[in-house]
Amino acid sequence: MPRGGSLVSEHPDVGGRLGPPSDGQRARLLDAVARVVAEKGYVASTVTDIVREAGVSRSTFYEQFAGKEACFLEAYRHGVDVLDARVGAAVRAADPSDWRAQLRAGIGAWLETLSAEPRFARTYLLEIAAAGEAARQARAEALRRFAERYRATAFKAGHRPGLDVLLIVCAGSEQLAAERVRTGAADELMALVDPVSACVEAVIEGASRI
């Protein structure tokens, strides 16, 4: 049975449906795959592992998903939804007249969530790379989503950075965070708030020269 929900369980399409084995089976499987992959890695994880963790049968799994990849990618996208929602809430709570404060708040929420949710952090930053072409596309969509957030903040400040340069910043930030998670230093993620904020600010303010 589940040993405490993953970040995926906070998604409204998942968390509200977690319950006994007869109820919310798709939601249970999504939560389970996030935890199993974080513990064993995507390649080593099997459908057997996922259904055991979710407390459902293999036939139930295949009624819901075509295979491990489809289940994993849906869980990944749900986790990104929750991560994005936390970033958005932090930005809205910051001083609306100070774009730097908004930017820093969003970056802080992103890193704080990854630090507090190490299983999701491993899935989001490391295991997604092992799940094939569709997973790479899902990661690209997530990067674009956060780059668009940076651009919205920049536009409010009167700056017009190109999306490509902001994607570079997002990818670089992910790489820094991934290295800490890979080496077991996820508790040091918050130390990246200052350098990531400074980098993004510099890119935004230098937009006219790019």
N, C-alpha and C. Protein backbone atom coordinates (compact mmCIF):
# COMPACT_ATOMS: atom_id res chain seq x y z
N MET A 1 0.85 -1.19 0.00
CA MET A 1 0.00 0.00 0.00
C MET A 1 0.88 1.24 0.00
N PRO A 2 0.37 2.37 -0.46
CA PRO A 2 1.17 3.57 -0.55
C PRO A 2 1.75 3.99 0.78
N ARG A 3 2.96 4.53 0.77
CA ARG A 3 3.66 4.95 1.98
C ARG A 3 3.75 6.47 2.02
N GLY A 4 2.64 7.16 1.79
CA GLY A 4 2.66 8.61 1.75
C GLY A 4 2.74 9.09 0.33
N GLY A 5 1.90 10.05 -0.02
CA GLY A 5 1.78 10.46 -1.41
C GLY A 5 2.99 11.20 -1.94
N SER A 6 3.16 11.13 -3.25
CA SER A 6 4.17 11.91 -3.94
C SER A 6 3.60 13.28 -4.24
N LEU A 7 4.41 14.16 -4.83
CA LEU A 7 3.92 15.46 -5.24
C LEU A 7 2.75 15.30 -6.21
N VAL A 8 2.78 14.26 -7.00
CA VAL A 8 1.71 14.00 -7.97
C VAL A 8 0.36 13.89 -7.27
N SER A 9 0.35 13.39 -6.02
CA SER A 9 -0.91 13.20 -5.31
C SER A 9 -1.60 14.52 -4.98
N GLU A 10 -0.88 15.64 -5.11
CA GLU A 10 -1.49 16.94 -4.83
C GLU A 10 -2.26 17.50 -6.03
N HIS A 11 -2.09 16.89 -7.19
CA HIS A 11 -2.84 17.36 -8.36
C HIS A 11 -4.33 17.08 -8.13
N PRO A 12 -5.21 18.04 -8.48
CA PRO A 12 -6.64 17.84 -8.23
C PRO A 12 -7.23 16.63 -8.92
N ASP A 13 -6.64 16.20 -10.01
CA ASP A 13 -7.14 15.01 -10.70
C ASP A 13 -6.65 13.72 -10.06
N VAL A 14 -5.76 13.86 -9.08
CA VAL A 14 -5.18 12.67 -8.44
C VAL A 14 -5.53 12.62 -6.96
N GLY A 15 -5.12 13.62 -6.22
CA GLY A 15 -5.27 13.60 -4.76
C GLY A 15 -6.69 13.41 -4.29
N GLY A 16 -7.64 14.02 -4.96
CA GLY A 16 -9.02 13.90 -4.54
C GLY A 16 -9.61 12.53 -4.78
N ARG A 17 -8.88 11.68 -5.49
CA ARG A 17 -9.40 10.36 -5.84
C ARG A 17 -8.63 9.21 -5.20
N LEU A 18 -7.63 9.55 -4.40
CA LEU A 18 -6.89 8.49 -3.73
C LEU A 18 -7.77 7.91 -2.63
N GLY A 19 -7.86 6.60 -2.57
CA GLY A 19 -8.74 5.98 -1.59
C GLY A 19 -8.52 4.49 -1.58
N PRO A 20 -9.53 3.72 -1.23
CA PRO A 20 -9.38 2.26 -1.22
C PRO A 20 -9.15 1.73 -2.62
N PRO A 21 -8.66 0.49 -2.74
CA PRO A 21 -8.31 -0.07 -4.06
C PRO A 21 -9.43 -0.01 -5.08
N SER A 22 -10.68 -0.04 -4.63
CA SER A 22 -11.79 -0.02 -5.59
C SER A 22 -12.12 1.38 -6.09
N ASP A 23 -11.49 2.40 -5.52
CA ASP A 23 -11.84 3.78 -5.85
C ASP A 23 -10.61 4.53 -6.35
N GLY A 24 -10.76 5.23 -7.45
CA GLY A 24 -9.68 6.07 -7.94
C GLY A 24 -8.45 5.28 -8.35
N GLN A 25 -8.65 4.20 -9.09
CA GLN A 25 -7.51 3.34 -9.42
C GLN A 25 -6.48 4.04 -10.30
N ARG A 26 -6.94 4.86 -11.23
CA ARG A 26 -6.00 5.59 -12.09
C ARG A 26 -5.15 6.53 -11.25
N ALA A 27 -5.80 7.21 -10.31
CA ALA A 27 -5.06 8.12 -9.45
C ALA A 27 -4.04 7.38 -8.60
N ARG A 28 -4.40 6.22 -8.09
CA ARG A 28 -3.48 5.43 -7.28
C ARG A 28 -2.27 5.00 -8.11
N LEU A 29 -2.51 4.64 -9.35
CA LEU A 29 -1.41 4.22 -10.22
C LEU A 29 -0.47 5.38 -10.55
N LEU A 30 -1.03 6.56 -10.76
CA LEU A 30 -0.19 7.73 -11.04
C LEU A 30 0.69 8.07 -9.85
N ASP A 31 0.11 8.03 -8.66
CA ASP A 31 0.89 8.29 -7.46
C ASP A 31 1.95 7.21 -7.28
N ALA A 32 1.57 5.97 -7.54
CA ALA A 32 2.50 4.86 -7.35
C ALA A 32 3.68 4.92 -8.30
N VAL A 33 3.44 5.22 -9.58
CA VAL A 33 4.55 5.23 -10.53
C VAL A 33 5.56 6.32 -10.17
N ALA A 34 5.07 7.45 -9.65
CA ALA A 34 6.00 8.51 -9.25
C ALA A 34 6.92 8.03 -8.14
N ARG A 35 6.37 7.29 -7.19
CA ARG A 35 7.18 6.82 -6.07
C ARG A 35 8.11 5.68 -6.47
N VAL A 36 7.60 4.78 -7.28
CA VAL A 36 8.42 3.63 -7.70
C VAL A 36 9.61 4.09 -8.53
N VAL A 37 9.36 4.97 -9.50
CA VAL A 37 10.44 5.45 -10.36
C VAL A 37 11.48 6.22 -9.56
N ALA A 38 11.03 7.01 -8.59
CA ALA A 38 11.98 7.75 -7.76
C ALA A 38 12.88 6.81 -6.98
N GLU A 39 12.34 5.68 -6.55
CA GLU A 39 13.10 4.74 -5.73
C GLU A 39 13.99 3.81 -6.55
N LYS A 40 13.48 3.33 -7.70
CA LYS A 40 14.19 2.31 -8.46
C LYS A 40 14.80 2.81 -9.76
N GLY A 41 14.37 3.99 -10.23
CA GLY A 41 14.78 4.47 -11.54
C GLY A 41 13.78 4.01 -12.59
N TYR A 42 13.66 4.79 -13.66
CA TYR A 42 12.66 4.47 -14.68
C TYR A 42 12.96 3.13 -15.35
N VAL A 43 14.19 2.92 -15.74
CA VAL A 43 14.54 1.71 -16.49
C VAL A 43 14.28 0.46 -15.66
N ALA A 44 14.63 0.48 -14.39
CA ALA A 44 14.48 -0.70 -13.54
C ALA A 44 13.05 -0.93 -13.06
N SER A 45 12.23 0.08 -13.11
CA SER A 45 10.85 -0.04 -12.63
C SER A 45 10.02 -0.88 -13.60
N THR A 46 9.11 -1.66 -13.07
CA THR A 46 8.26 -2.51 -13.89
C THR A 46 6.79 -2.26 -13.56
N VAL A 47 5.93 -2.72 -14.45
CA VAL A 47 4.50 -2.63 -14.18
C VAL A 47 4.16 -3.40 -12.91
N THR A 48 4.83 -4.52 -12.70
CA THR A 48 4.61 -5.29 -11.47
C THR A 48 4.88 -4.46 -10.24
N ASP A 49 5.98 -3.69 -10.26
CA ASP A 49 6.31 -2.81 -9.14
C ASP A 49 5.21 -1.77 -8.92
N ILE A 50 4.72 -1.21 -10.02
CA ILE A 50 3.74 -0.13 -9.93
C ILE A 50 2.41 -0.64 -9.37
N VAL A 51 1.95 -1.78 -9.88
CA VAL A 51 0.65 -2.28 -9.40
C VAL A 51 0.76 -2.76 -7.95
N ARG A 52 1.91 -3.29 -7.56
CA ARG A 52 2.09 -3.69 -6.17
C ARG A 52 2.02 -2.46 -5.27
N GLU A 53 2.69 -1.39 -5.67
CA GLU A 53 2.69 -0.16 -4.88
C GLU A 53 1.30 0.46 -4.81
N ALA A 54 0.56 0.38 -5.90
CA ALA A 54 -0.78 0.98 -5.95
C ALA A 54 -1.84 0.09 -5.31
N GLY A 55 -1.54 -1.18 -5.17
CA GLY A 55 -2.51 -2.10 -4.60
C GLY A 55 -3.63 -2.45 -5.56
N VAL A 56 -3.31 -2.55 -6.86
CA VAL A 56 -4.30 -2.92 -7.87
C VAL A 56 -3.74 -4.07 -8.70
N SER A 57 -4.56 -4.61 -9.57
CA SER A 57 -4.14 -5.73 -10.40
C SER A 57 -3.51 -5.27 -11.70
N ARG A 58 -2.78 -6.17 -12.35
CA ARG A 58 -2.21 -5.86 -13.66
C ARG A 58 -3.31 -5.56 -14.68
N SER A 59 -4.40 -6.30 -14.60
CA SER A 59 -5.49 -6.05 -15.55
C SER A 59 -6.05 -4.65 -15.36
N THR A 60 -6.13 -4.20 -14.13
CA THR A 60 -6.59 -2.84 -13.85
C THR A 60 -5.63 -1.82 -14.45
N PHE A 61 -4.33 -2.10 -14.30
CA PHE A 61 -3.33 -1.19 -14.87
C PHE A 61 -3.56 -1.03 -16.37
N TYR A 62 -3.69 -2.14 -17.07
CA TYR A 62 -3.81 -2.08 -18.53
C TYR A 62 -5.19 -1.60 -19.00
N GLU A 63 -6.14 -1.55 -18.10
CA GLU A 63 -7.41 -0.89 -18.42
C GLU A 63 -7.23 0.62 -18.44
N GLN A 64 -6.24 1.10 -17.71
CA GLN A 64 -6.03 2.55 -17.56
C GLN A 64 -4.92 3.09 -18.46
N PHE A 65 -3.88 2.29 -18.67
CA PHE A 65 -2.70 2.77 -19.39
C PHE A 65 -2.21 1.73 -20.40
N ALA A 66 -1.63 2.22 -21.49
CA ALA A 66 -1.08 1.31 -22.49
C ALA A 66 0.18 0.63 -21.99
N GLY A 67 0.88 1.25 -21.06
CA GLY A 67 2.11 0.68 -20.55
C GLY A 67 2.77 1.60 -19.54
N LYS A 68 3.97 1.21 -19.11
CA LYS A 68 4.70 1.98 -18.09
C LYS A 68 4.96 3.41 -18.55
N GLU A 69 5.35 3.58 -19.81
CA GLU A 69 5.69 4.91 -20.30
C GLU A 69 4.50 5.86 -20.21
N ALA A 70 3.33 5.40 -20.64
CA ALA A 70 2.14 6.27 -20.62
C ALA A 70 1.78 6.67 -19.19
N CYS A 71 1.88 5.73 -18.27
CA CYS A 71 1.58 6.02 -16.87
C CYS A 71 2.58 7.03 -16.30
N PHE A 72 3.85 6.79 -16.58
CA PHE A 72 4.90 7.68 -16.06
C PHE A 72 4.75 9.09 -16.60
N LEU A 73 4.49 9.22 -17.89
CA LEU A 73 4.41 10.56 -18.47
C LEU A 73 3.21 11.33 -17.95
N GLU A 74 2.11 10.65 -17.72
CA GLU A 74 0.96 11.36 -17.14
C GLU A 74 1.26 11.82 -15.73
N ALA A 75 1.94 10.98 -14.95
CA ALA A 75 2.33 11.37 -13.61
C ALA A 75 3.30 12.55 -13.64
N TYR A 76 4.26 12.51 -14.56
CA TYR A 76 5.23 13.61 -14.70
C TYR A 76 4.50 14.92 -14.98
N ARG A 77 3.57 14.90 -15.92
CA ARG A 77 2.86 16.13 -16.29
C ARG A 77 2.01 16.63 -15.13
N HIS A 78 1.41 15.73 -14.36
CA HIS A 78 0.65 16.16 -13.19
C HIS A 78 1.59 16.82 -12.16
N GLY A 79 2.77 16.22 -11.97
CA GLY A 79 3.73 16.81 -11.04
C GLY A 79 4.17 18.19 -11.48
N VAL A 80 4.39 18.36 -12.77
CA VAL A 80 4.76 19.68 -13.30
C VAL A 80 3.63 20.68 -13.08
N ASP A 81 2.39 20.23 -13.23
CA ASP A 81 1.25 21.11 -12.97
C ASP A 81 1.28 21.64 -11.54
N VAL A 82 1.54 20.75 -10.59
CA VAL A 82 1.59 21.16 -9.18
C VAL A 82 2.76 22.10 -8.94
N LEU A 83 3.92 21.77 -9.49
CA LEU A 83 5.10 22.62 -9.36
C LEU A 83 4.82 24.01 -9.92
N ASP A 84 4.23 24.06 -11.10
CA ASP A 84 3.92 25.34 -11.73
C ASP A 84 2.91 26.13 -10.90
N ALA A 85 1.94 25.45 -10.32
CA ALA A 85 0.95 26.14 -9.50
C ALA A 85 1.59 26.76 -8.27
N ARG A 86 2.55 26.06 -7.67
CA ARG A 86 3.24 26.62 -6.50
C ARG A 86 4.07 27.84 -6.89
N VAL A 87 4.73 27.76 -8.03
CA VAL A 87 5.50 28.91 -8.51
C VAL A 87 4.57 30.10 -8.74
N GLY A 88 3.45 29.85 -9.42
CA GLY A 88 2.50 30.92 -9.70
C GLY A 88 1.96 31.56 -8.44
N ALA A 89 1.65 30.75 -7.44
CA ALA A 89 1.14 31.29 -6.18
C ALA A 89 2.18 32.17 -5.49
N ALA A 90 3.44 31.75 -5.53
CA ALA A 90 4.51 32.54 -4.91
C ALA A 90 4.70 33.86 -5.62
N VAL A 91 4.63 33.85 -6.94
CA VAL A 91 4.78 35.09 -7.72
C VAL A 91 3.64 36.05 -7.38
N ARG A 92 2.43 35.55 -7.31
CA ARG A 92 1.27 36.41 -7.02
C ARG A 92 1.34 36.99 -5.62
N ALA A 93 1.96 36.25 -4.69
CA ALA A 93 2.05 36.73 -3.31
C ALA A 93 3.15 37.76 -3.11
N ALA A 94 4.07 37.88 -4.07
CA ALA A 94 5.17 38.84 -3.97
C ALA A 94 4.69 40.25 -4.32
N ASP A 95 5.50 41.24 -3.99
CA ASP A 95 5.17 42.64 -4.26
C ASP A 95 4.93 42.84 -5.75
N PRO A 96 3.72 43.19 -6.17
CA PRO A 96 3.43 43.33 -7.60
C PRO A 96 4.17 44.48 -8.28
N SER A 97 4.71 45.40 -7.48
CA SER A 97 5.44 46.53 -8.05
C SER A 97 6.93 46.24 -8.20
N ASP A 98 7.38 45.09 -7.75
CA ASP A 98 8.80 44.76 -7.76
C ASP A 98 9.00 43.46 -8.56
N TRP A 99 9.37 43.57 -9.83
CA TRP A 99 9.49 42.38 -10.65
C TRP A 99 10.62 41.47 -10.19
N ARG A 100 11.65 42.06 -9.60
CA ARG A 100 12.74 41.22 -9.08
C ARG A 100 12.27 40.37 -7.91
N ALA A 101 11.43 40.96 -7.05
CA ALA A 101 10.89 40.20 -5.93
C ALA A 101 9.99 39.08 -6.43
N GLN A 102 9.22 39.35 -7.47
CA GLN A 102 8.36 38.31 -8.04
C GLN A 102 9.19 37.19 -8.65
N LEU A 103 10.22 37.59 -9.35
CA LEU A 103 11.10 36.60 -9.98
C LEU A 103 11.74 35.71 -8.92
N ARG A 104 12.28 36.33 -7.90
CA ARG A 104 12.96 35.58 -6.84
C ARG A 104 11.98 34.67 -6.10
N ALA A 105 10.76 35.16 -5.89
CA ALA A 105 9.76 34.35 -5.20
C ALA A 105 9.43 33.09 -6.00
N GLY A 106 9.30 33.25 -7.31
CA GLY A 106 9.00 32.10 -8.15
C GLY A 106 10.14 31.10 -8.17
N ILE A 107 11.35 31.58 -8.30
CA ILE A 107 12.52 30.70 -8.30
C ILE A 107 12.64 30.00 -6.95
N GLY A 108 12.40 30.75 -5.89
CA GLY A 108 12.46 30.16 -4.55
C GLY A 108 11.44 29.05 -4.37
N ALA A 109 10.23 29.27 -4.88
CA ALA A 109 9.18 28.25 -4.76
C ALA A 109 9.54 27.01 -5.56
N TRP A 110 10.11 27.21 -6.73
CA TRP A 110 10.53 26.09 -7.58
C TRP A 110 11.55 25.23 -6.85
N LEU A 111 12.57 25.88 -6.30
CA LEU A 111 13.63 25.15 -5.61
C LEU A 111 13.16 24.57 -4.28
N GLU A 112 12.33 25.30 -3.58
CA GLU A 112 11.81 24.81 -2.31
C GLU A 112 10.97 23.54 -2.50
N THR A 113 10.16 23.54 -3.55
CA THR A 113 9.34 22.36 -3.83
C THR A 113 10.22 21.15 -4.14
N LEU A 114 11.23 21.35 -4.97
CA LEU A 114 12.12 20.24 -5.32
C LEU A 114 12.89 19.75 -4.09
N SER A 115 13.28 20.67 -3.23
CA SER A 115 14.01 20.30 -2.01
C SER A 115 13.11 19.51 -1.06
N ALA A 116 11.85 19.94 -0.95
CA ALA A 116 10.91 19.30 -0.03
C ALA A 116 10.34 17.99 -0.57
N GLU A 117 10.44 17.80 -1.89
CA GLU A 117 9.87 16.62 -2.54
C GLU A 117 10.97 15.88 -3.31
N PRO A 118 11.92 15.27 -2.59
CA PRO A 118 13.08 14.66 -3.26
C PRO A 118 12.71 13.55 -4.24
N ARG A 119 11.62 12.83 -3.98
CA ARG A 119 11.23 11.78 -4.93
C ARG A 119 10.77 12.38 -6.26
N PHE A 120 9.96 13.43 -6.17
CA PHE A 120 9.56 14.09 -7.40
C PHE A 120 10.76 14.77 -8.06
N ALA A 121 11.65 15.35 -7.27
CA ALA A 121 12.82 16.02 -7.83
C ALA A 121 13.65 15.04 -8.66
N ARG A 122 13.81 13.83 -8.17
CA ARG A 122 14.57 12.83 -8.93
C ARG A 122 13.86 12.47 -10.22
N THR A 123 12.54 12.31 -10.15
CA THR A 123 11.77 12.00 -11.35
C THR A 123 11.84 13.15 -12.35
N TYR A 124 11.63 14.36 -11.87
CA TYR A 124 11.55 15.55 -12.71
C TYR A 124 12.89 15.92 -13.34
N LEU A 125 13.96 15.77 -12.57
CA LEU A 125 15.26 16.25 -13.03
C LEU A 125 16.14 15.16 -13.65
N LEU A 126 15.97 13.91 -13.22
CA LEU A 126 16.87 12.84 -13.67
C LEU A 126 16.17 11.75 -14.48
N GLU A 127 15.13 11.16 -13.93
CA GLU A 127 14.54 9.99 -14.56
C GLU A 127 13.80 10.30 -15.85
N ILE A 128 13.33 11.52 -16.03
CA ILE A 128 12.63 11.88 -17.26
C ILE A 128 13.53 11.67 -18.48
N ALA A 129 14.83 11.80 -18.30
CA ALA A 129 15.76 11.66 -19.42
C ALA A 129 15.89 10.21 -19.88
N ALA A 130 15.45 9.27 -19.05
CA ALA A 130 15.61 7.85 -19.38
C ALA A 130 14.36 7.24 -20.01
N ALA A 131 13.32 8.07 -20.18
CA ALA A 131 12.02 7.52 -20.56
C ALA A 131 11.68 7.66 -22.04
N GLY A 132 12.64 8.04 -22.88
CA GLY A 132 12.40 8.04 -24.31
C GLY A 132 12.00 9.37 -24.92
N GLU A 133 11.67 9.33 -26.20
CA GLU A 133 11.41 10.54 -26.97
C GLU A 133 10.20 11.31 -26.45
N ALA A 134 9.13 10.61 -26.13
CA ALA A 134 7.95 11.30 -25.62
C ALA A 134 8.25 12.02 -24.31
N ALA A 135 9.10 11.43 -23.50
CA ALA A 135 9.49 12.06 -22.24
C ALA A 135 10.33 13.30 -22.50
N ARG A 136 11.20 13.24 -23.49
CA ARG A 136 12.01 14.42 -23.82
C ARG A 136 11.11 15.56 -24.29
N GLN A 137 10.07 15.23 -25.01
CA GLN A 137 9.12 16.25 -25.44
C GLN A 137 8.37 16.83 -24.25
N ALA A 138 8.01 15.98 -23.30
CA ALA A 138 7.32 16.46 -22.10
C ALA A 138 8.22 17.39 -21.30
N ARG A 139 9.51 17.06 -21.23
CA ARG A 139 10.44 17.94 -20.53
C ARG A 139 10.57 19.27 -21.26
N ALA A 140 10.63 19.23 -22.58
CA ALA A 140 10.72 20.47 -23.36
C ALA A 140 9.50 21.34 -23.12
N GLU A 141 8.33 20.73 -23.00
CA GLU A 141 7.11 21.49 -22.73
C GLU A 141 7.17 22.13 -21.35
N ALA A 142 7.72 21.40 -20.38
CA ALA A 142 7.85 21.94 -19.03
C ALA A 142 8.83 23.12 -19.01
N LEU A 143 9.95 22.98 -19.70
CA LEU A 143 10.91 24.07 -19.78
C LEU A 143 10.28 25.31 -20.40
N ARG A 144 9.53 25.11 -21.45
CA ARG A 144 8.87 26.23 -22.11
C ARG A 144 7.87 26.92 -21.17
N ARG A 145 7.19 26.12 -20.41
CA ARG A 145 6.20 26.65 -19.48
C ARG A 145 6.85 27.61 -18.47
N PHE A 146 8.00 27.22 -17.93
CA PHE A 146 8.67 28.08 -16.96
C PHE A 146 9.36 29.25 -17.64
N ALA A 147 9.85 29.06 -18.85
CA ALA A 147 10.42 30.17 -19.60
C ALA A 147 9.35 31.22 -19.90
N GLU A 148 8.15 30.78 -20.19
CA GLU A 148 7.04 31.71 -20.43
C GLU A 148 6.72 32.50 -19.16
N ARG A 149 6.87 31.88 -18.02
CA ARG A 149 6.66 32.62 -16.76
C ARG A 149 7.71 33.72 -16.61
N TYR A 150 8.96 33.39 -16.90
CA TYR A 150 10.01 34.41 -16.84
C TYR A 150 9.69 35.55 -17.80
N ARG A 151 9.25 35.21 -18.99
CA ARG A 151 8.98 36.24 -19.98
C ARG A 151 7.82 37.13 -19.55
N ALA A 152 6.80 36.56 -18.93
CA ALA A 152 5.67 37.36 -18.45
C ALA A 152 6.13 38.36 -17.40
N THR A 153 7.02 37.92 -16.51
CA THR A 153 7.56 38.83 -15.50
C THR A 153 8.40 39.92 -16.16
N ALA A 154 9.19 39.54 -17.14
CA ALA A 154 10.03 40.52 -17.85
C ALA A 154 9.18 41.56 -18.56
N PHE A 155 8.11 41.13 -19.20
CA PHE A 155 7.25 42.06 -19.92
C PHE A 155 6.64 43.09 -18.98
N LYS A 156 6.27 42.67 -17.77
CA LYS A 156 5.74 43.61 -16.79
C LYS A 156 6.76 44.68 -16.43
N ALA A 157 8.04 44.31 -16.51
CA ALA A 157 9.11 45.25 -16.17
C ALA A 157 9.55 46.07 -17.38
N GLY A 158 8.91 45.86 -18.53
CA GLY A 158 9.25 46.62 -19.72
C GLY A 158 10.39 46.06 -20.52
N HIS A 159 10.80 44.82 -20.23
CA HIS A 159 11.88 44.17 -20.97
C HIS A 159 11.29 43.14 -21.94
N ARG A 160 12.02 42.87 -23.01
CA ARG A 160 11.51 41.97 -24.04
C ARG A 160 12.53 40.89 -24.41
N PRO A 161 12.87 40.01 -23.46
CA PRO A 161 13.82 38.93 -23.80
C PRO A 161 13.18 37.91 -24.73
N GLY A 162 13.98 37.33 -25.61
CA GLY A 162 13.47 36.28 -26.48
C GLY A 162 13.24 34.99 -25.71
N LEU A 163 12.31 34.19 -26.17
CA LEU A 163 12.01 32.95 -25.46
C LEU A 163 13.20 32.00 -25.48
N ASP A 164 13.96 31.96 -26.56
CA ASP A 164 15.08 31.03 -26.65
C ASP A 164 16.11 31.27 -25.55
N VAL A 165 16.42 32.53 -25.29
CA VAL A 165 17.43 32.81 -24.28
C VAL A 165 16.90 32.45 -22.89
N LEU A 166 15.61 32.58 -22.67
CA LEU A 166 15.04 32.18 -21.39
C LEU A 166 14.99 30.66 -21.25
N LEU A 167 14.81 29.97 -22.36
CA LEU A 167 14.87 28.51 -22.33
C LEU A 167 16.27 28.04 -21.93
N ILE A 168 17.27 28.75 -22.41
CA ILE A 168 18.66 28.42 -22.05
C ILE A 168 18.85 28.57 -20.54
N VAL A 169 18.31 29.65 -19.98
CA VAL A 169 18.41 29.88 -18.54
C VAL A 169 17.69 28.77 -17.77
N CYS A 170 16.50 28.40 -18.23
CA CYS A 170 15.74 27.34 -17.56
C CYS A 170 16.49 26.01 -17.59
N ALA A 171 17.04 25.68 -18.75
CA ALA A 171 17.78 24.43 -18.88
C ALA A 171 19.02 24.43 -17.99
N GLY A 172 19.70 25.56 -17.92
CA GLY A 172 20.88 25.66 -17.07
C GLY A 172 20.52 25.53 -15.60
N SER A 173 19.41 26.13 -15.20
CA SER A 173 18.95 26.02 -13.81
C SER A 173 18.61 24.58 -13.47
N GLU A 174 17.95 23.90 -14.40
CA GLU A 174 17.62 22.49 -14.18
C GLU A 174 18.88 21.65 -14.03
N GLN A 175 19.89 21.94 -14.83
CA GLN A 175 21.13 21.18 -14.76
C GLN A 175 21.81 21.35 -13.40
N LEU A 176 21.84 22.58 -12.90
CA LEU A 176 22.43 22.83 -11.58
C LEU A 176 21.67 22.06 -10.50
N ALA A 177 20.34 22.11 -10.58
CA ALA A 177 19.53 21.41 -9.60
C ALA A 177 19.69 19.89 -9.73
N ALA A 178 19.73 19.41 -10.96
CA ALA A 178 19.87 17.97 -11.20
C ALA A 178 21.17 17.43 -10.63
N GLU A 179 22.24 18.19 -10.74
CA GLU A 179 23.52 17.73 -10.23
C GLU A 179 23.49 17.56 -8.72
N ARG A 180 22.79 18.46 -8.05
CA ARG A 180 22.66 18.32 -6.59
C ARG A 180 21.82 17.11 -6.21
N VAL A 181 20.75 16.89 -6.93
CA VAL A 181 19.91 15.73 -6.65
C VAL A 181 20.68 14.45 -6.95
N ARG A 182 21.40 14.42 -8.05
CA ARG A 182 22.15 13.22 -8.46
C ARG A 182 23.21 12.85 -7.43
N THR A 183 23.82 13.84 -6.80
CA THR A 183 24.90 13.59 -5.84
C THR A 183 24.40 13.51 -4.40
N GLY A 184 23.08 13.47 -4.22
CA GLY A 184 22.53 13.35 -2.88
C GLY A 184 22.55 14.63 -2.08
N ALA A 185 22.64 15.77 -2.76
CA ALA A 185 22.70 17.05 -2.07
C ALA A 185 21.44 17.88 -2.31
N ALA A 186 20.28 17.22 -2.36
CA ALA A 186 19.03 17.94 -2.59
C ALA A 186 18.75 18.96 -1.50
N ASP A 187 19.31 18.75 -0.30
CA ASP A 187 19.10 19.70 0.78
C ASP A 187 19.85 21.01 0.54
N GLU A 188 20.67 21.06 -0.50
CA GLU A 188 21.40 22.29 -0.82
C GLU A 188 20.76 23.07 -1.97
N LEU A 189 19.59 22.63 -2.42
CA LEU A 189 18.97 23.29 -3.56
C LEU A 189 18.66 24.76 -3.31
N MET A 190 18.28 25.11 -2.09
CA MET A 190 17.91 26.50 -1.82
C MET A 190 19.10 27.44 -1.96
N ALA A 191 20.31 26.90 -1.93
CA ALA A 191 21.50 27.74 -2.12
C ALA A 191 21.58 28.26 -3.55
N LEU A 192 20.75 27.70 -4.45
CA LEU A 192 20.75 28.16 -5.84
C LEU A 192 19.86 29.36 -6.08
N VAL A 193 19.09 29.77 -5.08
CA VAL A 193 18.17 30.90 -5.29
C VAL A 193 18.93 32.14 -5.75
N ASP A 194 20.01 32.47 -5.07
CA ASP A 194 20.77 33.68 -5.42
C ASP A 194 21.38 33.61 -6.81
N PRO A 195 22.16 32.56 -7.14
CA PRO A 195 22.77 32.55 -8.47
C PRO A 195 21.75 32.44 -9.61
N VAL A 196 20.70 31.66 -9.43
CA VAL A 196 19.70 31.55 -10.50
C VAL A 196 18.97 32.89 -10.67
N SER A 197 18.60 33.52 -9.57
CA SER A 197 17.92 34.82 -9.66
C SER A 197 18.80 35.85 -10.34
N ALA A 198 20.07 35.89 -9.97
CA ALA A 198 20.99 36.85 -10.57
C ALA A 198 21.14 36.60 -12.06
N CYS A 199 21.22 35.35 -12.44
CA CYS A 199 21.37 35.01 -13.86
C CYS A 199 20.14 35.43 -14.66
N VAL A 200 18.97 35.11 -14.15
CA VAL A 200 17.74 35.45 -14.87
C VAL A 200 17.57 36.97 -14.96
N GLU A 201 17.84 37.65 -13.89
CA GLU A 201 17.76 39.12 -13.92
C GLU A 201 18.70 39.69 -14.97
N ALA A 202 19.93 39.18 -15.02
CA ALA A 202 20.90 39.69 -15.99
C ALA A 202 20.42 39.45 -17.43
N VAL A 203 19.84 38.31 -17.67
CA VAL A 203 19.34 38.00 -19.01
C VAL A 203 18.19 38.92 -19.35
N ILE A 204 17.27 39.11 -18.42
CA ILE A 204 16.11 39.97 -18.68
C ILE A 204 16.55 41.40 -18.94
N GLU A 205 17.45 41.91 -18.12
CA GLU A 205 17.87 43.31 -18.25
C GLU A 205 18.75 43.51 -19.47
N GLY A 206 19.41 42.45 -19.92
CA GLY A 206 20.25 42.57 -21.08
C GLY A 206 19.55 42.20 -22.38
N ALA A 207 18.21 42.07 -22.31
CA ALA A 207 17.45 41.61 -23.47
C ALA A 207 17.66 42.45 -24.71
N SER A 208 17.84 43.73 -24.54
CA SER A 208 17.98 44.60 -25.70
C SER A 208 19.28 44.36 -26.47
N ARG A 209 20.22 43.67 -25.83
CA ARG A 209 21.52 43.41 -26.47
C ARG A 209 21.60 42.00 -27.04
N ILE A 210 20.51 41.23 -26.90
CA ILE A 210 20.52 39.84 -27.35
C ILE A 210 19.75 39.70 -28.66
